[in-house]
């Protein structure tokens, strides 16, 4: 399992890509928890709801973000593109390698 920081970074990236697909309640709870680092109790107090309601909204939001990624794979494609571009920078002197990398990038689009 990913450690907490890696998980948080992953959710930040997923939210950047798919956050617009969440409801306002899900966005608010998610942002307070993952972006602003508020506790469930603090969020519950701010939103005047129970801790359980906050936890539910955050869980639903993260599940949706993971579901969107499993179906669309935009984060994975973005990460692969970054890796390929780094390889391109390293291999720029060898034209055949450059052409092969460019073809791989085009397949991702």
N, C-alpha and C. Protein backbone atom coordinates (compact mmCIF):
# COMPACT_ATOMS: atom_id res chain seq x y z
N UNK A 1 0.85 -1.20 0.00
CA UNK A 1 0.00 0.00 0.00
C UNK A 1 0.88 1.25 0.00
N UNK A 2 0.42 2.26 -0.66
CA UNK A 2 1.16 3.52 -0.73
C UNK A 2 1.23 4.16 0.65
N UNK A 3 2.34 4.85 0.91
CA UNK A 3 2.37 5.57 2.18
C UNK A 3 1.48 6.80 2.10
N UNK A 4 1.26 7.42 3.22
CA UNK A 4 0.29 8.51 3.32
C UNK A 4 0.62 9.68 2.40
N UNK A 5 1.87 10.06 2.32
CA UNK A 5 2.25 11.20 1.48
C UNK A 5 2.04 10.87 0.01
N UNK A 6 2.44 9.68 -0.41
CA UNK A 6 2.24 9.28 -1.81
C UNK A 6 0.75 9.23 -2.14
N UNK A 7 -0.04 8.73 -1.21
CA UNK A 7 -1.49 8.66 -1.40
C UNK A 7 -2.08 10.06 -1.54
N UNK A 8 -1.63 10.97 -0.69
CA UNK A 8 -2.12 12.35 -0.73
C UNK A 8 -1.74 13.01 -2.06
N UNK A 9 -0.52 12.80 -2.50
CA UNK A 9 -0.07 13.38 -3.77
C UNK A 9 -0.89 12.80 -4.92
N UNK A 10 -1.14 11.50 -4.88
CA UNK A 10 -1.95 10.87 -5.92
C UNK A 10 -3.35 11.49 -5.96
N UNK A 11 -3.97 11.66 -4.79
CA UNK A 11 -5.31 12.25 -4.74
C UNK A 11 -5.30 13.70 -5.24
N UNK A 12 -4.23 14.43 -4.96
CA UNK A 12 -4.11 15.81 -5.47
C UNK A 12 -4.12 15.79 -7.00
N UNK A 13 -3.32 14.88 -7.58
CA UNK A 13 -3.26 14.79 -9.04
C UNK A 13 -4.61 14.37 -9.62
N UNK A 14 -5.22 13.37 -9.00
CA UNK A 14 -6.52 12.91 -9.48
C UNK A 14 -7.56 14.03 -9.39
N UNK A 15 -7.51 14.78 -8.30
CA UNK A 15 -8.46 15.88 -8.12
C UNK A 15 -8.24 16.96 -9.18
N UNK A 16 -6.98 17.23 -9.50
CA UNK A 16 -6.69 18.22 -10.54
C UNK A 16 -7.31 17.81 -11.88
N UNK A 17 -7.32 16.52 -12.15
CA UNK A 17 -7.84 16.02 -13.42
C UNK A 17 -9.35 15.86 -13.40
N UNK A 18 -9.86 15.21 -12.35
CA UNK A 18 -11.27 14.80 -12.32
C UNK A 18 -12.14 15.55 -11.32
N UNK A 19 -11.58 16.49 -10.59
CA UNK A 19 -12.33 17.18 -9.55
C UNK A 19 -13.61 17.84 -10.02
N UNK A 20 -13.62 18.30 -11.25
CA UNK A 20 -14.81 18.96 -11.78
C UNK A 20 -16.01 18.01 -11.87
N UNK A 21 -15.77 16.73 -11.80
CA UNK A 21 -16.84 15.74 -11.90
C UNK A 21 -17.49 15.42 -10.55
N UNK A 22 -16.93 15.96 -9.47
CA UNK A 22 -17.49 15.72 -8.13
C UNK A 22 -18.58 16.74 -7.82
N UNK A 23 -19.44 16.39 -6.87
CA UNK A 23 -20.46 17.34 -6.40
C UNK A 23 -19.79 18.41 -5.54
N UNK A 24 -20.50 19.49 -5.30
CA UNK A 24 -19.95 20.57 -4.47
C UNK A 24 -19.63 20.07 -3.06
N UNK A 25 -20.49 19.26 -2.49
CA UNK A 25 -20.24 18.72 -1.14
C UNK A 25 -18.99 17.86 -1.12
N UNK A 26 -18.83 17.03 -2.13
CA UNK A 26 -17.65 16.18 -2.21
C UNK A 26 -16.38 17.02 -2.39
N UNK A 27 -16.46 18.03 -3.26
CA UNK A 27 -15.31 18.92 -3.47
C UNK A 27 -14.91 19.63 -2.18
N UNK A 28 -15.90 20.17 -1.49
CA UNK A 28 -15.63 20.92 -0.27
C UNK A 28 -14.97 20.04 0.78
N UNK A 29 -15.54 18.88 1.03
CA UNK A 29 -14.98 17.98 2.04
C UNK A 29 -13.58 17.52 1.63
N UNK A 30 -13.42 17.17 0.35
CA UNK A 30 -12.13 16.73 -0.15
C UNK A 30 -11.08 17.81 0.00
N UNK A 31 -11.40 19.03 -0.41
CA UNK A 31 -10.45 20.14 -0.34
C UNK A 31 -10.04 20.45 1.09
N UNK A 32 -11.02 20.50 1.98
CA UNK A 32 -10.68 20.75 3.39
C UNK A 32 -9.75 19.66 3.92
N UNK A 33 -10.03 18.43 3.58
CA UNK A 33 -9.27 17.31 4.14
C UNK A 33 -7.90 17.15 3.48
N UNK A 34 -7.87 17.08 2.16
CA UNK A 34 -6.61 16.80 1.46
C UNK A 34 -5.81 18.04 1.09
N UNK A 35 -6.47 19.14 0.82
CA UNK A 35 -5.73 20.34 0.41
C UNK A 35 -5.36 21.22 1.60
N UNK A 36 -6.32 21.39 2.51
CA UNK A 36 -6.11 22.28 3.65
C UNK A 36 -5.66 21.55 4.91
N UNK A 37 -5.68 20.22 4.88
CA UNK A 37 -5.21 19.38 5.98
C UNK A 37 -6.03 19.55 7.27
N UNK A 38 -7.33 19.76 7.12
CA UNK A 38 -8.21 19.86 8.29
C UNK A 38 -8.56 18.45 8.76
N UNK A 39 -8.84 18.32 10.04
CA UNK A 39 -9.30 17.04 10.58
C UNK A 39 -10.78 16.87 10.27
N UNK A 40 -11.27 15.64 10.43
CA UNK A 40 -12.69 15.38 10.20
C UNK A 40 -13.54 16.23 11.15
N UNK A 41 -13.11 16.37 12.38
CA UNK A 41 -13.85 17.17 13.36
C UNK A 41 -13.91 18.64 12.96
N UNK A 42 -12.79 19.17 12.49
CA UNK A 42 -12.75 20.57 12.06
C UNK A 42 -13.68 20.80 10.87
N UNK A 43 -13.65 19.87 9.93
CA UNK A 43 -14.52 20.01 8.75
C UNK A 43 -15.98 19.90 9.16
N UNK A 44 -16.28 18.95 10.03
CA UNK A 44 -17.66 18.77 10.49
C UNK A 44 -18.17 20.04 11.15
N UNK A 45 -17.32 20.67 11.93
CA UNK A 45 -17.70 21.91 12.61
C UNK A 45 -17.93 23.04 11.59
N UNK A 46 -17.04 23.15 10.61
CA UNK A 46 -17.18 24.18 9.58
C UNK A 46 -18.45 24.00 8.75
N UNK A 47 -18.78 22.76 8.45
CA UNK A 47 -19.93 22.48 7.58
C UNK A 47 -21.21 22.21 8.36
N UNK A 48 -21.10 22.19 9.68
CA UNK A 48 -22.23 21.92 10.55
C UNK A 48 -22.91 20.59 10.23
N UNK A 49 -22.07 19.56 10.10
CA UNK A 49 -22.53 18.19 9.88
C UNK A 49 -21.75 17.27 10.81
N UNK A 50 -22.08 15.99 10.80
CA UNK A 50 -21.37 15.03 11.65
C UNK A 50 -20.03 14.64 11.03
N UNK A 51 -19.14 14.14 11.87
CA UNK A 51 -17.86 13.64 11.38
C UNK A 51 -18.10 12.50 10.40
N UNK A 52 -19.10 11.69 10.70
CA UNK A 52 -19.42 10.55 9.84
C UNK A 52 -19.85 11.03 8.45
N UNK A 53 -20.60 12.11 8.38
CA UNK A 53 -21.03 12.67 7.09
C UNK A 53 -19.83 13.17 6.30
N UNK A 54 -18.90 13.81 6.98
CA UNK A 54 -17.67 14.29 6.32
C UNK A 54 -16.87 13.11 5.80
N UNK A 55 -16.69 12.12 6.65
CA UNK A 55 -15.94 10.93 6.25
C UNK A 55 -16.59 10.28 5.02
N UNK A 56 -17.91 10.21 5.02
CA UNK A 56 -18.63 9.63 3.90
C UNK A 56 -18.41 10.38 2.61
N UNK A 57 -18.46 11.71 2.67
CA UNK A 57 -18.25 12.52 1.47
C UNK A 57 -16.82 12.36 0.94
N UNK A 58 -15.85 12.32 1.85
CA UNK A 58 -14.45 12.16 1.43
C UNK A 58 -14.24 10.78 0.81
N UNK A 59 -14.81 9.78 1.42
CA UNK A 59 -14.69 8.42 0.90
C UNK A 59 -15.34 8.30 -0.48
N UNK A 60 -16.52 8.85 -0.63
CA UNK A 60 -17.20 8.83 -1.93
C UNK A 60 -16.35 9.56 -2.97
N UNK A 61 -15.84 10.72 -2.61
CA UNK A 61 -15.04 11.51 -3.55
C UNK A 61 -13.79 10.75 -4.00
N UNK A 62 -13.06 10.17 -3.05
CA UNK A 62 -11.84 9.44 -3.42
C UNK A 62 -12.16 8.20 -4.24
N UNK A 63 -13.26 7.53 -3.90
CA UNK A 63 -13.67 6.37 -4.69
C UNK A 63 -14.01 6.77 -6.13
N UNK A 64 -14.72 7.88 -6.29
CA UNK A 64 -15.03 8.36 -7.64
C UNK A 64 -13.77 8.73 -8.40
N UNK A 65 -12.85 9.43 -7.73
CA UNK A 65 -11.60 9.81 -8.40
C UNK A 65 -10.85 8.57 -8.89
N UNK A 66 -10.78 7.55 -8.05
CA UNK A 66 -10.10 6.31 -8.44
C UNK A 66 -10.85 5.60 -9.56
N UNK A 67 -12.17 5.64 -9.50
CA UNK A 67 -12.98 5.01 -10.55
C UNK A 67 -12.79 5.71 -11.89
N UNK A 68 -12.81 7.04 -11.86
CA UNK A 68 -12.58 7.79 -13.10
C UNK A 68 -11.21 7.46 -13.69
N UNK A 69 -10.21 7.38 -12.83
CA UNK A 69 -8.86 7.08 -13.30
C UNK A 69 -8.80 5.65 -13.87
N UNK A 70 -9.46 4.71 -13.22
CA UNK A 70 -9.41 3.33 -13.73
C UNK A 70 -10.09 3.22 -15.09
N UNK A 71 -11.11 4.05 -15.33
CA UNK A 71 -11.82 4.00 -16.61
C UNK A 71 -11.14 4.84 -17.69
N UNK A 72 -10.62 6.01 -17.32
CA UNK A 72 -10.07 6.94 -18.30
C UNK A 72 -8.54 6.92 -18.37
N UNK A 73 -7.88 6.68 -17.25
CA UNK A 73 -6.44 6.56 -17.22
C UNK A 73 -5.65 7.80 -17.57
N UNK A 74 -6.24 8.98 -17.35
CA UNK A 74 -5.55 10.22 -17.74
C UNK A 74 -4.29 10.49 -16.92
N UNK A 75 -4.32 10.17 -15.63
CA UNK A 75 -3.13 10.38 -14.80
C UNK A 75 -2.02 9.45 -15.23
N UNK A 76 -2.35 8.19 -15.47
CA UNK A 76 -1.35 7.22 -15.91
C UNK A 76 -0.73 7.64 -17.24
N UNK A 77 -1.56 8.10 -18.17
CA UNK A 77 -1.05 8.56 -19.46
C UNK A 77 -0.14 9.76 -19.30
N UNK A 78 -0.52 10.66 -18.42
CA UNK A 78 0.30 11.85 -18.17
C UNK A 78 1.66 11.45 -17.60
N UNK A 79 1.65 10.52 -16.66
CA UNK A 79 2.92 10.07 -16.05
C UNK A 79 3.79 9.37 -17.08
N UNK A 80 3.18 8.55 -17.94
CA UNK A 80 3.95 7.88 -19.00
C UNK A 80 4.54 8.89 -19.96
N UNK A 81 3.78 9.92 -20.28
CA UNK A 81 4.26 10.96 -21.19
C UNK A 81 5.48 11.65 -20.59
N UNK A 82 5.42 11.97 -19.31
CA UNK A 82 6.56 12.62 -18.66
C UNK A 82 7.80 11.74 -18.71
N UNK A 83 7.63 10.44 -18.47
CA UNK A 83 8.76 9.50 -18.53
C UNK A 83 9.33 9.45 -19.93
N UNK A 84 8.47 9.35 -20.92
CA UNK A 84 8.93 9.30 -22.31
C UNK A 84 9.65 10.59 -22.71
N UNK A 85 9.15 11.70 -22.26
CA UNK A 85 9.81 12.97 -22.58
C UNK A 85 11.18 13.07 -21.93
N UNK A 86 11.31 12.54 -20.72
CA UNK A 86 12.63 12.52 -20.08
C UNK A 86 13.58 11.63 -20.87
N UNK A 87 13.08 10.49 -21.33
CA UNK A 87 13.91 9.62 -22.15
C UNK A 87 14.29 10.32 -23.45
N UNK A 88 13.37 11.08 -23.98
CA UNK A 88 13.64 11.84 -25.20
C UNK A 88 14.80 12.81 -24.98
N UNK A 89 14.77 13.50 -23.87
CA UNK A 89 15.84 14.46 -23.56
C UNK A 89 17.19 13.75 -23.50
N UNK A 90 17.21 12.57 -22.91
CA UNK A 90 18.45 11.81 -22.77
C UNK A 90 18.92 11.28 -24.13
N UNK A 91 17.97 10.84 -24.94
CA UNK A 91 18.30 10.18 -26.22
C UNK A 91 18.33 11.13 -27.41
N UNK A 92 18.21 12.39 -27.20
CA UNK A 92 18.06 13.35 -28.30
C UNK A 92 19.18 13.27 -29.33
N UNK A 93 20.32 12.77 -28.95
CA UNK A 93 21.43 12.71 -29.88
C UNK A 93 21.32 11.55 -30.86
N UNK A 94 20.51 10.57 -30.53
CA UNK A 94 20.37 9.39 -31.38
C UNK A 94 19.03 9.46 -32.09
N UNK A 95 19.05 9.73 -33.38
CA UNK A 95 17.81 10.00 -34.11
C UNK A 95 16.84 8.81 -34.14
N UNK A 96 17.30 7.58 -34.25
CA UNK A 96 16.40 6.44 -34.27
C UNK A 96 15.67 6.32 -32.93
N UNK A 97 16.39 6.48 -31.85
CA UNK A 97 15.75 6.44 -30.52
C UNK A 97 14.71 7.55 -30.38
N UNK A 98 15.03 8.71 -30.90
CA UNK A 98 14.10 9.85 -30.83
C UNK A 98 12.83 9.52 -31.59
N UNK A 99 12.95 8.96 -32.76
CA UNK A 99 11.78 8.60 -33.55
C UNK A 99 10.93 7.55 -32.83
N UNK A 100 11.56 6.57 -32.24
CA UNK A 100 10.83 5.54 -31.49
C UNK A 100 10.08 6.14 -30.31
N UNK A 101 10.71 7.05 -29.59
CA UNK A 101 10.06 7.69 -28.46
C UNK A 101 8.89 8.57 -28.90
N UNK A 102 9.07 9.27 -29.98
CA UNK A 102 7.99 10.10 -30.52
C UNK A 102 6.78 9.23 -30.88
N UNK A 103 7.03 8.08 -31.49
CA UNK A 103 5.94 7.17 -31.84
C UNK A 103 5.21 6.69 -30.58
N UNK A 104 5.95 6.41 -29.53
CA UNK A 104 5.31 5.99 -28.27
C UNK A 104 4.44 7.09 -27.68
N UNK A 105 4.90 8.33 -27.76
CA UNK A 105 4.11 9.46 -27.28
C UNK A 105 2.84 9.61 -28.10
N UNK A 106 2.96 9.44 -29.39
CA UNK A 106 1.77 9.56 -30.25
C UNK A 106 0.75 8.48 -29.94
N UNK A 107 1.16 7.32 -29.54
CA UNK A 107 0.25 6.24 -29.17
C UNK A 107 -0.55 6.59 -27.92
N UNK A 108 0.03 7.40 -27.05
CA UNK A 108 -0.65 7.79 -25.80
C UNK A 108 -1.79 8.79 -26.05
N UNK A 109 -1.72 9.51 -27.13
CA UNK A 109 -2.71 10.55 -27.40
C UNK A 109 -3.99 10.01 -27.93
